[in-house]
């Protein structure tokens, strides 16, 4: 198991200044570089067609799964989970497996 690093500065700032409620906006007093939330340019990823992860589970979503991680601390993971779940348990952030409905499950490995 890797030792946690110092965390992700962009995620720290994002969580600090995130609006308290959905669909609200606030002005962030500092610049957040969104590139710090992604792996380095040129990182390989897997792309596939799927559906939304929340009800109504609508189709037509292209998923991109990066094959390189971005360092975050356990505290940042918990804070992000608390924020996106509205303080609910992440166990409530799941849904039943959806039928393929004619979508081909063909994983594509791309490099940017």
Protein backbone atom coordinates (compact mmCIF):
# COMPACT_ATOMS: atom_id res chain seq x y z
CA UNK A 1 0.00 0.00 0.00
CA UNK A 2 1.36 3.42 -0.96
CA UNK A 3 1.86 6.11 1.63
CA UNK A 4 -0.61 8.95 1.05
CA UNK A 5 0.98 12.04 -0.48
CA UNK A 6 0.26 15.66 0.29
CA UNK A 7 -3.01 15.53 -1.59
CA UNK A 8 -4.28 17.39 -4.60
CA UNK A 9 -4.15 21.20 -4.27
CA UNK A 10 -6.84 21.74 -6.91
CA UNK A 11 -9.21 19.35 -5.15
CA UNK A 12 -8.56 21.03 -1.80
CA UNK A 13 -9.42 24.44 -3.25
CA UNK A 14 -12.42 23.09 -5.16
CA UNK A 15 -13.90 21.54 -2.02
CA UNK A 16 -13.16 24.64 0.04
CA UNK A 17 -15.05 26.95 -2.33
CA UNK A 18 -17.72 24.58 -3.67
CA UNK A 19 -21.27 25.96 -3.43
CA UNK A 20 -23.11 24.59 -0.41
CA UNK A 21 -26.13 23.47 -2.47
CA UNK A 22 -26.69 22.07 -5.95
CA UNK A 23 -27.31 24.62 -8.69
CA UNK A 24 -25.92 27.46 -6.60
CA UNK A 25 -22.93 29.44 -7.72
CA UNK A 26 -20.27 31.33 -5.84
CA UNK A 27 -17.21 33.28 -6.84
CA UNK A 28 -13.95 31.53 -6.10
CA UNK A 29 -11.32 34.02 -4.92
CA UNK A 30 -8.49 32.01 -6.45
CA UNK A 31 -7.68 30.24 -9.72
CA UNK A 32 -8.26 26.48 -9.85
CA UNK A 33 -6.26 24.72 -12.54
CA UNK A 34 -8.51 21.86 -13.73
CA UNK A 35 -5.49 20.10 -15.26
CA UNK A 36 -4.42 19.26 -11.69
CA UNK A 37 -7.54 17.10 -11.37
CA UNK A 38 -6.47 14.84 -14.27
CA UNK A 39 -3.44 12.65 -14.96
CA UNK A 40 -0.62 14.12 -17.02
CA UNK A 41 -1.29 14.77 -20.73
CA UNK A 42 -0.85 11.71 -22.93
CA UNK A 43 -2.06 9.27 -20.27
CA UNK A 44 -3.78 6.19 -21.68
CA UNK A 45 -7.47 5.68 -21.05
CA UNK A 46 -10.30 3.29 -21.82
CA UNK A 47 -13.46 4.59 -23.51
CA UNK A 48 -16.85 2.89 -23.68
CA UNK A 49 -20.53 3.69 -24.23
CA UNK A 50 -22.82 3.36 -21.27
CA UNK A 51 -25.51 5.10 -19.27
CA UNK A 52 -25.87 7.56 -16.43
CA UNK A 53 -25.18 6.16 -12.97
CA UNK A 54 -28.27 7.69 -11.40
CA UNK A 55 -31.97 7.13 -12.15
CA UNK A 56 -33.28 7.34 -14.95
CA UNK A 57 -29.99 5.68 -16.03
CA UNK A 58 -30.32 7.31 -19.49
CA UNK A 59 -28.11 5.90 -22.20
CA UNK A 60 -25.86 7.82 -24.55
CA UNK A 61 -23.01 8.52 -22.13
CA UNK A 62 -19.39 8.09 -23.20
CA UNK A 63 -17.25 7.00 -20.25
CA UNK A 64 -13.52 7.66 -20.09
CA UNK A 65 -11.54 5.71 -17.49
CA UNK A 66 -8.02 7.00 -16.99
CA UNK A 67 -5.35 4.33 -16.46
CA UNK A 68 -3.18 6.59 -14.31
CA UNK A 69 -4.32 7.94 -10.97
CA UNK A 70 -4.06 11.42 -9.49
CA UNK A 71 -2.76 11.52 -5.90
CA UNK A 72 -5.35 12.45 -3.28
CA UNK A 73 -5.46 11.87 0.45
CA UNK A 74 -8.01 9.66 2.23
CA UNK A 75 -9.41 12.84 3.80
CA UNK A 76 -9.96 14.35 0.34
CA UNK A 77 -11.77 11.20 -0.81
CA UNK A 78 -14.07 11.36 2.24
CA UNK A 79 -14.67 15.11 1.84
CA UNK A 80 -15.51 14.67 -1.85
CA UNK A 81 -17.85 11.78 -1.06
CA UNK A 82 -19.61 13.85 1.60
CA UNK A 83 -19.99 16.78 -0.80
CA UNK A 84 -21.33 14.86 -3.80
CA UNK A 85 -23.68 12.74 -1.67
CA UNK A 86 -25.12 15.70 0.19
CA UNK A 87 -23.92 14.18 3.46
CA UNK A 88 -25.54 10.79 2.79
CA UNK A 89 -23.74 7.48 2.81
CA UNK A 90 -21.94 6.58 -0.42
CA UNK A 91 -23.68 3.23 -0.11
CA UNK A 92 -26.76 5.08 -1.40
CA UNK A 93 -24.82 6.07 -4.53
CA UNK A 94 -25.48 2.90 -6.50
CA UNK A 95 -27.97 1.52 -8.94
CA UNK A 96 -28.91 -1.83 -10.45
CA UNK A 97 -27.00 -3.11 -13.48
CA UNK A 98 -28.73 -1.92 -16.66
CA UNK A 99 -29.41 -3.97 -19.81
CA UNK A 100 -27.07 -3.37 -22.76
CA UNK A 101 -30.02 -2.47 -25.03
CA UNK A 102 -28.01 -3.15 -28.16
CA UNK A 103 -24.86 -1.30 -26.99
CA UNK A 104 -21.72 -3.19 -27.90
CA UNK A 105 -19.44 -3.73 -24.94
CA UNK A 106 -16.27 -3.08 -26.87
CA UNK A 107 -13.57 -1.49 -24.75
CA UNK A 108 -11.31 0.80 -26.74
CA UNK A 109 -7.83 1.58 -25.55
CA UNK A 110 -6.75 5.04 -26.70
CA UNK A 111 -3.72 7.19 -26.04
CA UNK A 112 -4.01 10.95 -26.29
